[in-house]
């Protein structure tokens, strides 16, 4: 009787851990989605700047400022690299959490059966 209660407590703890991991995974997916949107916007801006023949402007706060085309191209390129690194980092965390969730799920199912 004591042993089954211990297993129940341990299983409950594992289930709680799993719920927390699922929530963390959901947060990572939202972050990844936001970075992917930002990446698409940056890529689109990069393409538009390359097409532009005349003056190029960028928005700083609530002011639009004339900028050198080359400077903006470099700035957008760096921004794109940073966003891509963030997405890769999130994907690694996502993979790790998914593996942990799968492992916990398997352990819980073994104890329940």
PDB file of N, CA and C in Angstrom:
ATOM      1  N   UNK A   1       0.823  -1.192   0.000  1.00  0.00           N
ATOM      2  CA  UNK A   1       0.000   0.000   0.000  1.00  0.00           C
ATOM      3  C   UNK A   1       0.868   1.256   0.000  1.00  0.00           C
ATOM      4  N   UNK A   2       1.902   1.272   0.817  1.00  0.00           N
ATOM      5  CA  UNK A   2       2.798   2.428   0.895  1.00  0.00           C
ATOM      6  C   UNK A   2       3.513   2.625  -0.437  1.00  0.00           C
ATOM      7  N   UNK A   3       3.932   1.504  -1.051  1.00  0.00           N
ATOM      8  CA  UNK A   3       4.656   1.597  -2.320  1.00  0.00           C
ATOM      9  C   UNK A   3       3.783   2.187  -3.422  1.00  0.00           C
ATOM     10  N   UNK A   4       2.508   1.795  -3.509  1.00  0.00           N
ATOM     11  CA  UNK A   4       1.625   2.325  -4.550  1.00  0.00           C
ATOM     12  C   UNK A   4       1.378   3.815  -4.353  1.00  0.00           C
ATOM     13  N   UNK A   5       1.343   4.278  -3.095  1.00  0.00           N
ATOM     14  CA  UNK A   5       1.168   5.697  -2.831  1.00  0.00           C
ATOM     15  C   UNK A   5       2.400   6.472  -3.295  1.00  0.00           C
ATOM     16  N   UNK A   6       3.591   5.916  -3.072  1.00  0.00           N
ATOM     17  CA  UNK A   6       4.833   6.549  -3.515  1.00  0.00           C
ATOM     18  C   UNK A   6       4.859   6.650  -5.037  1.00  0.00           C
ATOM     19  N   UNK A   7       4.458   5.623  -5.702  1.00  0.00           N
ATOM     20  CA  UNK A   7       4.406   5.628  -7.168  1.00  0.00           C
ATOM     21  C   UNK A   7       3.412   6.686  -7.638  1.00  0.00           C
ATOM     22  N   UNK A   8       2.280   6.779  -6.967  1.00  0.00           N
ATOM     23  CA  UNK A   8       1.283   7.782  -7.340  1.00  0.00           C
ATOM     24  C   UNK A   8       1.838   9.194  -7.193  1.00  0.00           C
ATOM     25  N   UNK A   9       2.548   9.445  -6.090  1.00  0.00           N
ATOM     26  CA  UNK A   9       3.140  10.768  -5.876  1.00  0.00           C
ATOM     27  C   UNK A   9       4.210  11.063  -6.931  1.00  0.00           C
ATOM     28  N   UNK A  10       5.009  10.055  -7.199  1.00  0.00           N
ATOM     29  CA  UNK A  10       6.062  10.220  -8.202  1.00  0.00           C
ATOM     30  C   UNK A  10       5.458  10.446  -9.585  1.00  0.00           C
ATOM     31  N   UNK A  11       4.427   9.696  -9.900  1.00  0.00           N
ATOM     32  CA  UNK A  11       3.742   9.856 -11.182  1.00  0.00           C
ATOM     33  C   UNK A  11       3.108  11.237 -11.278  1.00  0.00           C
ATOM     34  N   UNK A  12       2.506  11.682 -10.200  1.00  0.00           N
ATOM     35  CA  UNK A  12       1.904  13.022 -10.177  1.00  0.00           C
ATOM     36  C   UNK A  12       2.968  14.094 -10.397  1.00  0.00           C
ATOM     37  N   UNK A  13       4.130  13.901  -9.786  1.00  0.00           N
ATOM     38  CA  UNK A  13       5.228  14.854  -9.961  1.00  0.00           C
ATOM     39  C   UNK A  13       5.698  14.864 -11.409  1.00  0.00           C
ATOM     40  N   UNK A  14       5.802  13.672 -12.000  1.00  0.00           N
ATOM     41  CA  UNK A  14       6.215  13.568 -13.410  1.00  0.00           C
ATOM     42  C   UNK A  14       5.196  14.246 -14.328  1.00  0.00           C
ATOM     43  N   UNK A  15       3.938  14.069 -14.012  1.00  0.00           N
ATOM     44  CA  UNK A  15       2.883  14.693 -14.822  1.00  0.00           C
ATOM     45  C   UNK A  15       2.985  16.212 -14.717  1.00  0.00           C
ATOM     46  N   UNK A  16       3.241  16.715 -13.496  1.00  0.00           N
ATOM     47  CA  UNK A  16       3.417  18.153 -13.304  1.00  0.00           C
ATOM     48  C   UNK A  16       4.611  18.666 -14.102  1.00  0.00           C
ATOM     49  N   UNK A  17       5.711  17.956 -14.057  1.00  0.00           N
ATOM     50  CA  UNK A  17       6.904  18.331 -14.814  1.00  0.00           C
ATOM     51  C   UNK A  17       6.579  18.372 -16.308  1.00  0.00           C
ATOM     52  N   UNK A  18       5.823  17.386 -16.745  1.00  0.00           N
ATOM     53  CA  UNK A  18       5.456  17.314 -18.147  1.00  0.00           C
ATOM     54  C   UNK A  18       4.601  18.519 -18.552  1.00  0.00           C
ATOM     55  N   UNK A  19       3.671  18.907 -17.701  1.00  0.00           N
ATOM     56  CA  UNK A  19       2.830  20.064 -17.996  1.00  0.00           C
ATOM     57  C   UNK A  19       3.660  21.338 -18.095  1.00  0.00           C
ATOM     58  N   UNK A  20       4.639  21.476 -17.205  1.00  0.00           N
ATOM     59  CA  UNK A  20       5.522  22.647 -17.237  1.00  0.00           C
ATOM     60  C   UNK A  20       6.332  22.653 -18.536  1.00  0.00           C
ATOM     61  N   UNK A  21       6.863  21.490 -18.904  1.00  0.00           N
ATOM     62  CA  UNK A  21       7.637  21.394 -20.150  1.00  0.00           C
ATOM     63  C   UNK A  21       6.775  21.703 -21.369  1.00  0.00           C
ATOM     64  N   UNK A  22       5.530  21.240 -21.351  1.00  0.00           N
ATOM     65  CA  UNK A  22       4.626  21.528 -22.467  1.00  0.00           C
ATOM     66  C   UNK A  22       4.371  23.030 -22.574  1.00  0.00           C
ATOM     67  N   UNK A  23       4.240  23.685 -21.435  1.00  0.00           N
ATOM     68  CA  UNK A  23       4.044  25.134 -21.422  1.00  0.00           C
ATOM     69  C   UNK A  23       5.306  25.843 -21.943  1.00  0.00           C
ATOM     70  N   UNK A  24       6.481  25.377 -21.532  1.00  0.00           N
ATOM     71  CA  UNK A  24       7.737  25.950 -22.017  1.00  0.00           C
ATOM     72  C   UNK A  24       7.870  25.763 -23.526  1.00  0.00           C
ATOM     73  N   UNK A  25       7.483  24.586 -23.993  1.00  0.00           N
ATOM     74  CA  UNK A  25       7.541  24.298 -25.423  1.00  0.00           C
ATOM     75  C   UNK A  25       6.602  25.227 -26.191  1.00  0.00           C
ATOM     76  N   UNK A  26       5.414  25.435 -25.648  1.00  0.00           N
ATOM     77  CA  UNK A  26       4.447  26.343 -26.278  1.00  0.00           C
ATOM     78  C   UNK A  26       5.019  27.763 -26.350  1.00  0.00           C
ATOM     79  N   UNK A  27       5.671  28.224 -25.270  1.00  0.00           N
ATOM     80  CA  UNK A  27       6.289  29.559 -25.261  1.00  0.00           C
ATOM     81  C   UNK A  27       7.396  29.656 -26.309  1.00  0.00           C
ATOM     82  N   UNK A  28       8.192  28.593 -26.422  1.00  0.00           N
ATOM     83  CA  UNK A  28       9.254  28.580 -27.433  1.00  0.00           C
ATOM     84  C   UNK A  28       8.678  28.668 -28.839  1.00  0.00           C
ATOM     85  N   UNK A  29       7.598  27.947 -29.069  1.00  0.00           N
ATOM     86  CA  UNK A  29       6.974  27.965 -30.399  1.00  0.00           C
ATOM     87  C   UNK A  29       6.447  29.354 -30.737  1.00  0.00           C
ATOM     88  N   UNK A  30       5.890  30.050 -29.742  1.00  0.00           N
ATOM     89  CA  UNK A  30       5.414  31.419 -29.961  1.00  0.00           C
ATOM     90  C   UNK A  30       6.584  32.353 -30.260  1.00  0.00           C
ATOM     91  N   UNK A  31       7.675  32.218 -29.509  1.00  0.00           N
ATOM     92  CA  UNK A  31       8.863  33.035 -29.760  1.00  0.00           C
ATOM     93  C   UNK A  31       9.403  32.778 -31.169  1.00  0.00           C
ATOM     94  N   UNK A  32       9.458  31.512 -31.532  1.00  0.00           N
ATOM     95  CA  UNK A  32       9.968  31.135 -32.849  1.00  0.00           C
ATOM     96  C   UNK A  32       9.094  31.734 -33.947  1.00  0.00           C
ATOM     97  N   UNK A  33       7.796  31.675 -33.752  1.00  0.00           N
ATOM     98  CA  UNK A  33       6.865  32.238 -34.733  1.00  0.00           C
ATOM     99  C   UNK A  33       7.084  33.750 -34.874  1.00  0.00           C
ATOM    100  N   UNK A  34       7.263  34.443 -33.750  1.00  0.00           N
ATOM    101  CA  UNK A  34       7.506  35.885 -33.797  1.00  0.00           C
ATOM    102  C   UNK A  34       8.813  36.210 -34.510  1.00  0.00           C
ATOM    103  N   UNK A  35       9.857  35.420 -34.248  1.00  0.00           N
ATOM    104  CA  UNK A  35      11.131  35.652 -34.928  1.00  0.00           C
ATOM    105  C   UNK A  35      11.024  35.350 -36.424  1.00  0.00           C
ATOM    106  N   UNK A  36      10.240  34.342 -36.788  1.00  0.00           N
ATOM    107  CA  UNK A  36      10.072  34.028 -38.206  1.00  0.00           C
ATOM    108  C   UNK A  36       9.338  35.164 -38.931  1.00  0.00           C
ATOM    109  N   UNK A  37       8.362  35.759 -38.260  1.00  0.00           N
ATOM    110  CA  UNK A  37       7.660  36.913 -38.841  1.00  0.00           C
ATOM    111  C   UNK A  37       8.639  38.072 -39.014  1.00  0.00           C
ATOM    112  N   UNK A  38       9.442  38.323 -37.978  1.00  0.00           N
ATOM    113  CA  UNK A  38      10.429  39.401 -38.042  1.00  0.00           C
ATOM    114  C   UNK A  38      11.462  39.128 -39.141  1.00  0.00           C
ATOM    115  N   UNK A  39      11.863  37.871 -39.291  1.00  0.00           N
ATOM    116  CA  UNK A  39      12.808  37.494 -40.335  1.00  0.00           C
ATOM    117  C   UNK A  39      12.218  37.763 -41.719  1.00  0.00           C
ATOM    118  N   UNK A  40      10.951  37.387 -41.923  1.00  0.00           N
ATOM    119  CA  UNK A  40      10.292  37.633 -43.215  1.00  0.00           C
ATOM    120  C   UNK A  40      10.214  39.122 -43.514  1.00  0.00           C
ATOM    121  N   UNK A  41       9.897  39.929 -42.503  1.00  0.00           N
ATOM    122  CA  UNK A  41       9.835  41.377 -42.689  1.00  0.00           C
ATOM    123  C   UNK A  41      11.215  41.932 -43.046  1.00  0.00           C
ATOM    124  N   UNK A  42      12.241  41.418 -42.410  1.00  0.00           N
ATOM    125  CA  UNK A  42      13.613  41.871 -42.672  1.00  0.00           C
ATOM    126  C   UNK A  42      14.037  41.493 -44.086  1.00  0.00           C
ATOM    127  N   UNK A  43      13.710  40.285 -44.496  1.00  0.00           N
ATOM    128  CA  UNK A  43      14.045  39.832 -45.857  1.00  0.00           C
ATOM    129  C   UNK A  43      13.323  40.698 -46.882  1.00  0.00           C
ATOM    130  N   UNK A  44      12.046  40.976 -46.638  1.00  0.00           N
ATOM    131  CA  UNK A  44      11.280  41.831 -47.557  1.00  0.00           C
ATOM    132  C   UNK A  44      11.885  43.240 -47.627  1.00  0.00           C
ATOM    133  N   UNK A  45      12.265  43.777 -46.475  1.00  0.00           N
ATOM    134  CA  UNK A  45      12.878  45.112 -46.436  1.00  0.00           C
ATOM    135  C   UNK A  45      14.203  45.100 -47.208  1.00  0.00           C
ATOM    136  N   UNK A  46      14.969  44.043 -47.022  1.00  0.00           N
ATOM    137  CA  UNK A  46      16.250  43.898 -47.718  1.00  0.00           C
ATOM    138  C   UNK A  46      16.058  43.906 -49.232  1.00  0.00           C
ATOM    139  N   UNK A  47      15.056  43.155 -49.698  1.00  0.00           N
ATOM    140  CA  UNK A  47      14.771  43.093 -51.135  1.00  0.00           C
ATOM    141  C   UNK A  47      14.329  44.449 -51.674  1.00  0.00           C
ATOM    142  N   UNK A  48      13.500  45.148 -50.901  1.00  0.00           N
ATOM    143  CA  UNK A  48      13.026  46.468 -51.335  1.00  0.00           C
ATOM    144  C   UNK A  48      14.174  47.470 -51.401  1.00  0.00           C
ATOM    145  N   UNK A  49      15.081  47.421 -50.440  1.00  0.00           N
ATOM    146  CA  UNK A  49      16.226  48.337 -50.449  1.00  0.00           C
ATOM    147  C   UNK A  49      17.112  48.059 -51.663  1.00  0.00           C
ATOM    148  N   UNK A  50      17.304  46.807 -52.003  1.00  0.00           N
ATOM    149  CA  UNK A  50      18.125  46.451 -53.167  1.00  0.00           C
ATOM    150  C   UNK A  50      17.510  46.973 -54.459  1.00  0.00           C
ATOM    151  N   UNK A  51      16.181  46.969 -54.555  1.00  0.00           N
ATOM    152  CA  UNK A  51      15.480  47.448 -55.754  1.00  0.00           C
ATOM    153  C   UNK A  51      15.514  48.971 -55.872  1.00  0.00           C
ATOM    154  N   UNK A  52      15.651  49.647 -54.748  1.00  0.00           N
ATOM    155  CA  UNK A  52      15.547  51.102 -54.709  1.00  0.00           C
ATOM    156  C   UNK A  52      16.706  51.775 -55.432  1.00  0.00           C
ATOM    157  N   UNK A  53      16.363  52.748 -56.273  1.00  0.00           N
ATOM    158  CA  UNK A  53      17.375  53.507 -57.007  1.00  0.00           C
ATOM    159  C   UNK A  53      17.652  54.848 -56.333  1.00  0.00           C
ATOM    160  N   UNK A  54      16.631  55.415 -55.705  1.00  0.00           N
ATOM    161  CA  UNK A  54      16.769  56.751 -55.125  1.00  0.00           C
ATOM    162  C   UNK A  54      17.144  56.725 -53.662  1.00  0.00           C
ATOM    163  N   UNK A  55      16.634  57.709 -52.942  1.00  0.00           N
ATOM    164  CA  UNK A  55      16.911  57.843 -51.512  1.00  0.00           C
ATOM    165  C   UNK A  55      16.290  56.702 -50.715  1.00  0.00           C
ATOM    166  N   UNK A  56      16.934  56.369 -49.616  1.00  0.00           N
ATOM    167  CA  UNK A  56      16.458  55.323 -48.716  1.00  0.00           C
ATOM    168  C   UNK A  56      16.271  55.945 -47.331  1.00  0.00           C
ATOM    169  N   UNK A  57      15.163  55.580 -46.700  1.00  0.00           N
ATOM    170  CA  UNK A  57      14.846  56.107 -45.376  1.00  0.00           C
ATOM    171  C   UNK A  57      14.614  54.954 -44.411  1.00  0.00           C
ATOM    172  N   UNK A  58      14.880  55.238 -43.146  1.00  0.00           N
ATOM    173  CA  UNK A  58      14.550  54.261 -42.117  1.00  0.00           C
ATOM    174  C   UNK A  58      13.827  54.988 -40.990  1.00  0.00           C
ATOM    175  N   UNK A  59      13.021  54.244 -40.269  1.00  0.00           N
ATOM    176  CA  UNK A  59      12.254  54.823 -39.187  1.00  0.00           C
ATOM    177  C   UNK A  59      13.023  54.617 -37.885  1.00  0.00           C
ATOM    178  N   UNK A  60      13.252  55.721 -37.184  1.00  0.00           N
ATOM    179  CA  UNK A  60      13.925  55.692 -35.889  1.00  0.00           C
ATOM    180  C   UNK A  60      12.961  56.318 -34.899  1.00  0.00           C
ATOM    181  N   UNK A  61      12.371  55.468 -34.059  1.00  0.00           N
ATOM    182  CA  UNK A  61      11.343  55.977 -33.141  1.00  0.00           C
ATOM    183  C   UNK A  61      10.140  56.429 -33.943  1.00  0.00           C
ATOM    184  N   UNK A  62       9.813  57.703 -33.856  1.00  0.00           N
ATOM    185  CA  UNK A  62       8.677  58.241 -34.606  1.00  0.00           C
ATOM    186  C   UNK A  62       9.134  59.163 -35.728  1.00  0.00           C
ATOM    187  N   UNK A  63      10.424  59.074 -36.090  1.00  0.00           N
ATOM    188  CA  UNK A  63      10.988  59.948 -37.109  1.00  0.00           C
ATOM    189  C   UNK A  63      11.537  59.106 -38.258  1.00  0.00           C
ATOM    190  N   UNK A  64      11.313  59.564 -39.483  1.00  0.00           N
ATOM    191  CA  UNK A  64      11.877  58.908 -40.649  1.00  0.00           C
ATOM    192  C   UNK A  64      13.155  59.663 -41.026  1.00  0.00           C
ATOM    193  N   UNK A  65      14.262  58.937 -41.139  1.00  0.00           N
ATOM    194  CA  UNK A  65      15.569  59.540 -41.364  1.00  0.00           C
ATOM    195  C   UNK A  65      16.152  59.021 -42.678  1.00  0.00           C
ATOM    196  N   UNK A  66      16.700  59.939 -43.466  1.00  0.00           N
ATOM    197  CA  UNK A  66      17.374  59.547 -44.704  1.00  0.00           C
ATOM    198  C   UNK A  66      18.684  58.853 -44.325  1.00  0.00           C
ATOM    199  N   UNK A  67      18.959  57.717 -44.973  1.00  0.00           N
ATOM    200  CA  UNK A  67      20.156  56.944 -44.655  1.00  0.00           C
ATOM    201  C   UNK A  67      20.848  56.500 -45.935  1.00  0.00           C
ATOM    202  N   UNK A  68      22.111  56.161 -45.805  1.00  0.00           N
ATOM    203  CA  UNK A  68      22.851  55.622 -46.944  1.00  0.00           C
ATOM    204  C   UNK A  68      22.338  54.206 -47.231  1.00  0.00           C
ATOM    205  N   UNK A  69      22.115  53.924 -48.494  1.00  0.00           N
ATOM    206  CA  UNK A  69      21.590  52.617 -48.900  1.00  0.00           C
ATOM    207  C   UNK A  69      22.487  51.487 -48.398  1.00  0.00           C
ATOM    208  N   UNK A  70      23.793  51.662 -48.523  1.00  0.00           N
ATOM    209  CA  UNK A  70      24.747  50.621 -48.107  1.00  0.00           C
ATOM    210  C   UNK A  70      24.644  50.358 -46.606  1.00  0.00           C
ATOM    211  N   UNK A  71      24.501  51.436 -45.811  1.00  0.00           N
ATOM    212  CA  UNK A  71      24.378  51.281 -44.360  1.00  0.00           C
ATOM    213  C   UNK A  71      23.141  50.470 -43.990  1.00  0.00           C
ATOM    214  N   UNK A  72      22.047  50.759 -44.663  1.00  0.00           N
ATOM    215  CA  UNK A  72      20.802  50.029 -44.382  1.00  0.00           C
ATOM    216  C   UNK A  72      20.929  48.566 -44.810  1.00  0.00           C
ATOM    217  N   UNK A  73      21.578  48.336 -45.947  1.00  0.00           N
ATOM    218  CA  UNK A  73      21.777  46.953 -46.395  1.00  0.00           C
ATOM    219  C   UNK A  73      22.589  46.163 -45.369  1.00  0.00           C
ATOM    220  N   UNK A  74      23.652  46.774 -44.850  1.00  0.00           N
ATOM    221  CA  UNK A  74      24.489  46.116 -43.842  1.00  0.00           C
ATOM    222  C   UNK A  74      23.687  45.875 -42.568  1.00  0.00           C
ATOM    223  N   UNK A  75      22.937  46.889 -42.145  1.00  0.00           N
ATOM    224  CA  UNK A  75      22.112  46.783 -40.933  1.00  0.00           C
ATOM    225  C   UNK A  75      21.079  45.662 -41.049  1.00  0.00           C
ATOM    226  N   UNK A  76      20.416  45.591 -42.208  1.00  0.00           N
ATOM    227  CA  UNK A  76      19.410  44.543 -42.413  1.00  0.00           C
ATOM    228  C   UNK A  76      20.059  43.160 -42.479  1.00  0.00           C
ATOM    229  N   UNK A  77      21.212  43.076 -43.083  1.00  0.00           N
ATOM    230  CA  UNK A  77      21.924  41.803 -43.174  1.00  0.00           C
ATOM    231  C   UNK A  77      22.313  41.295 -41.781  1.00  0.00           C
ATOM    232  N   UNK A  78      22.832  42.183 -40.947  1.00  0.00           N
ATOM    233  CA  UNK A  78      23.199  41.807 -39.575  1.00  0.00           C
ATOM    234  C   UNK A  78      21.972  41.403 -38.772  1.00  0.00           C
ATOM    235  N   UNK A  79      20.897  42.165 -38.946  1.00  0.00           N
ATOM    236  CA  UNK A  79      19.651  41.847 -38.233  1.00  0.00           C
ATOM    237  C   UNK A  79      19.158  40.465 -38.640  1.00  0.00           C
ATOM    238  N   UNK A  80      19.232  40.174 -39.930  1.00  0.00           N
ATOM    239  CA  UNK A  80      18.796  38.861 -40.429  1.00  0.00           C
ATOM    240  C   UNK A  80      19.627  37.737 -39.817  1.00  0.00           C
ATOM    241  N   UNK A  81      20.939  37.923 -39.737  1.00  0.00           N
ATOM    242  CA  UNK A  81      21.821  36.917 -39.141  1.00  0.00           C
ATOM    243  C   UNK A  81      21.471  36.665 -37.679  1.00  0.00           C
ATOM    244  N   UNK A  82      21.240  37.736 -36.935  1.00  0.00           N
ATOM    245  CA  UNK A  82      20.899  37.611 -35.516  1.00  0.00           C
ATOM    246  C   UNK A  82      19.587  36.858 -35.337  1.00  0.00           C
ATOM    247  N   UNK A  83      18.601  37.192 -36.143  1.00  0.00           N
ATOM    248  CA  UNK A  83      17.293  36.524 -36.044  1.00  0.00           C
ATOM    249  C   UNK A  83      17.434  35.046 -36.390  1.00  0.00           C
ATOM    250  N   UNK A  84      18.216  34.738 -37.431  1.00  0.00           N
ATOM    251  CA  UNK A  84      18.420  33.336 -37.809  1.00  0.00           C
ATOM    252  C   UNK A  84      19.101  32.553 -36.692  1.00  0.00           C
ATOM    253  N   UNK A  85      20.067  33.193 -36.011  1.00  0.00           N
ATOM    254  CA  UNK A  85      20.733  32.532 -34.871  1.00  0.00           C
ATOM    255  C   UNK A  85      19.747  32.281 -33.734  1.00  0.00           C
ATOM    256  N   UNK A  86      18.890  33.253 -33.483  1.00  0.00           N
ATOM    257  CA  UNK A  86      17.886  33.081 -32.429  1.00  0.00           C
ATOM    258  C   UNK A  86      16.934  31.943 -32.758  1.00  0.00           C
ATOM    259  N   UNK A  87      16.528  31.860 -34.011  1.00  0.00           N
ATOM    260  CA  UNK A  87      15.623  30.775 -34.433  1.00  0.00           C
ATOM    261  C   UNK A  87      16.312  29.420 -34.258  1.00  0.00           C
ATOM    262  N   UNK A  88      17.581  29.327 -34.652  1.00  0.00           N
ATOM    263  CA  UNK A  88      18.320  28.067 -34.481  1.00  0.00           C
ATOM    264  C   UNK A  88      18.431  27.690 -33.010  1.00  0.00           C
ATOM    265  N   UNK A  89      18.689  28.673 -32.161  1.00  0.00           N
ATOM    266  CA  UNK A  89      18.782  28.426 -30.722  1.00  0.00           C
ATOM    267  C   UNK A  89      17.448  27.914 -30.178  1.00  0.00           C
ATOM    268  N   UNK A  90      16.373  28.534 -30.597  1.00  0.00           N
ATOM    269  CA  UNK A  90      15.037  28.100 -30.158  1.00  0.00           C
ATOM    270  C   UNK A  90      14.753  26.689 -30.652  1.00  0.00           C
ATOM    271  N   UNK A  91      15.156  26.386 -31.873  1.00  0.00           N
ATOM    272  CA  UNK A  91      14.929  25.042 -32.421  1.00  0.00           C
ATOM    273  C   UNK A  91      15.688  23.978 -31.622  1.00  0.00           C
ATOM    274  N   UNK A  92      16.902  24.322 -31.155  1.00  0.00           N
ATOM    275  CA  UNK A  92      17.654  23.378 -30.309  1.00  0.00           C
ATOM    276  C   UNK A  92      16.930  23.149 -28.988  1.00  0.00           C
ATOM    277  N   UNK A  93      16.458  24.243 -28.380  1.00  0.00           N
ATOM    278  CA  UNK A  93      15.710  24.122 -27.126  1.00  0.00           C
ATOM    279  C   UNK A  93      14.425  23.331 -27.343  1.00  0.00           C
ATOM    280  N   UNK A  94      13.776  23.588 -28.467  1.00  0.00           N
ATOM    281  CA  UNK A  94      12.538  22.894 -28.809  1.00  0.00           C
ATOM    282  C   UNK A  94      12.783  21.386 -28.940  1.00  0.00           C
ATOM    283  N   UNK A  95      13.875  21.024 -29.614  1.00  0.00           N
ATOM    284  CA  UNK A  95      14.217  19.608 -29.787  1.00  0.00           C
ATOM    285  C   UNK A  95      14.483  18.953 -28.434  1.00  0.00           C
ATOM    286  N   UNK A  96      15.271  19.634 -27.581  1.00  0.00           N
ATOM    287  CA  UNK A  96      15.594  19.101 -26.255  1.00  0.00           C
ATOM    288  C   UNK A  96      14.322  18.885 -25.433  1.00  0.00           C
ATOM    289  N   UNK A  97      13.453  19.894 -25.394  1.00  0.00           N
ATOM    290  CA  UNK A  97      12.210  19.774 -24.622  1.00  0.00           C
ATOM    291  C   UNK A  97      11.313  18.668 -25.169  1.00  0.00           C
ATOM    292  N   UNK A  98      11.236  18.555 -26.475  1.00  0.00           N
ATOM    293  CA  UNK A  98      10.414  17.500 -27.085  1.00  0.00           C
ATOM    294  C   UNK A  98      10.915  16.118 -26.692  1.00  0.00           C
ATOM    295  N   UNK A  99      12.238  15.960 -26.679  1.00  0.00           N
ATOM    296  CA  UNK A  99      12.822  14.674 -26.275  1.00  0.00           C
ATOM    297  C   UNK A  99      12.522  14.385 -24.807  1.00  0.00           C
ATOM    298  N   UNK A 100      12.648  15.403 -23.957  1.00  0.00           N
ATOM    299  CA  UNK A 100      12.355  15.233 -22.533  1.00  0.00           C
ATOM    300  C   UNK A 100      10.881  14.891 -22.322  1.00  0.00           C
ATOM    301  N   UNK A 101      10.008  15.564 -23.062  1.00  0.00           N
ATOM    302  CA  UNK A 101       8.570  15.271 -22.955  1.00  0.00           C
ATOM    303  C   UNK A 101       8.276  13.834 -23.351  1.00  0.00           C
ATOM    304  N   UNK A 102       8.870  13.408 -24.424  1.00  0.00           N
ATOM    305  CA  UNK A 102       8.659  12.040 -24.893  1.00  0.00           C
ATOM    306  C   UNK A 102       9.151  11.028 -23.854  1.00  0.00           C
ATOM    307  N   UNK A 103      10.315  11.306 -23.284  1.00  0.00           N
ATOM    308  CA  UNK A 103      10.880  10.426 -22.248  1.00  0.00           C
ATOM    309  C   UNK A 103       9.952  10.360 -21.034  1.00  0.00           C
ATOM    310  N   UNK A 104       9.503  11.521 -20.557  1.00  0.00           N
ATOM    311  CA  UNK A 104       8.581  11.555 -19.409  1.00  0.00           C
ATOM    312  C   UNK A 104       7.265  10.852 -19.721  1.00  0.00           C
ATOM    313  N   UNK A 105       6.757  11.065 -20.916  1.00  0.00           N
ATOM    314  CA  UNK A 105       5.497  10.440 -21.319  1.00  0.00           C
ATOM    315  C   UNK A 105       5.630   8.921 -21.268  1.00  0.00           C
ATOM    316  N   UNK A 106       6.757   8.409 -21.776  1.00  0.00           N
ATOM    317  CA  UNK A 106       6.996   6.969 -21.768  1.00  0.00           C
ATOM    318  C   UNK A 106       7.065   6.420 -20.336  1.00  0.00           C
ATOM    319  N   UNK A 107       7.790   7.156 -19.467  1.00  0.00           N
ATOM    320  CA  UNK A 107       7.914   6.735 -18.066  1.00  0.00           C
ATOM    321  C   UNK A 107       6.555   6.711 -17.375  1.00  0.00           C
ATOM    322  N   UNK A 108       5.755   7.715 -17.613  1.00  0.00           N
ATOM    323  CA  UNK A 108       4.414   7.783 -16.992  1.00  0.00           C
ATOM    324  C   UNK A 108       3.530   6.651 -17.477  1.00  0.00           C
ATOM    325  N   UNK A 109       3.573   6.399 -18.780  1.00  0.00           N
ATOM    326  CA  UNK A 109       2.748   5.324 -19.338  1.00  0.00           C
ATOM    327  C   UNK A 109       3.149   3.957 -18.774  1.00  0.00           C
ATOM    328  N   UNK A 110       4.444   3.749 -18.548  1.00  0.00           N
ATOM    329  CA  UNK A 110       4.904   2.485 -17.969  1.00  0.00           C
ATOM    330  C   UNK A 110       4.379   2.319 -16.553  1.00  0.00           C
ATOM    331  N   UNK A 111       4.377   3.423 -15.785  1.00  0.00           N
ATOM    332  CA  UNK A 111       3.906   3.340 -14.400  1.00  0.00           C
ATOM    333  C   UNK A 111       2.397   3.171 -14.315  1.00  0.00           C
ATOM    334  N   UNK A 112       1.693   3.742 -15.240  1.00  0.00           N
ATOM    335  CA  UNK A 112       0.231   3.656 -15.198  1.00  0.00           C
ATOM    336  C   UNK A 112      -0.232   2.255 -15.575  1.00  0.00           C
ATOM    337  N   UNK A 113       0.465   1.629 -16.508  1.00  0.00           N
ATOM    338  CA  UNK A 113       0.056   0.285 -16.978  1.00  0.00           C
ATOM    339  C   UNK A 113       0.351  -0.796 -16.002  1.00  0.00           C
TER     340      UNK A 113
END
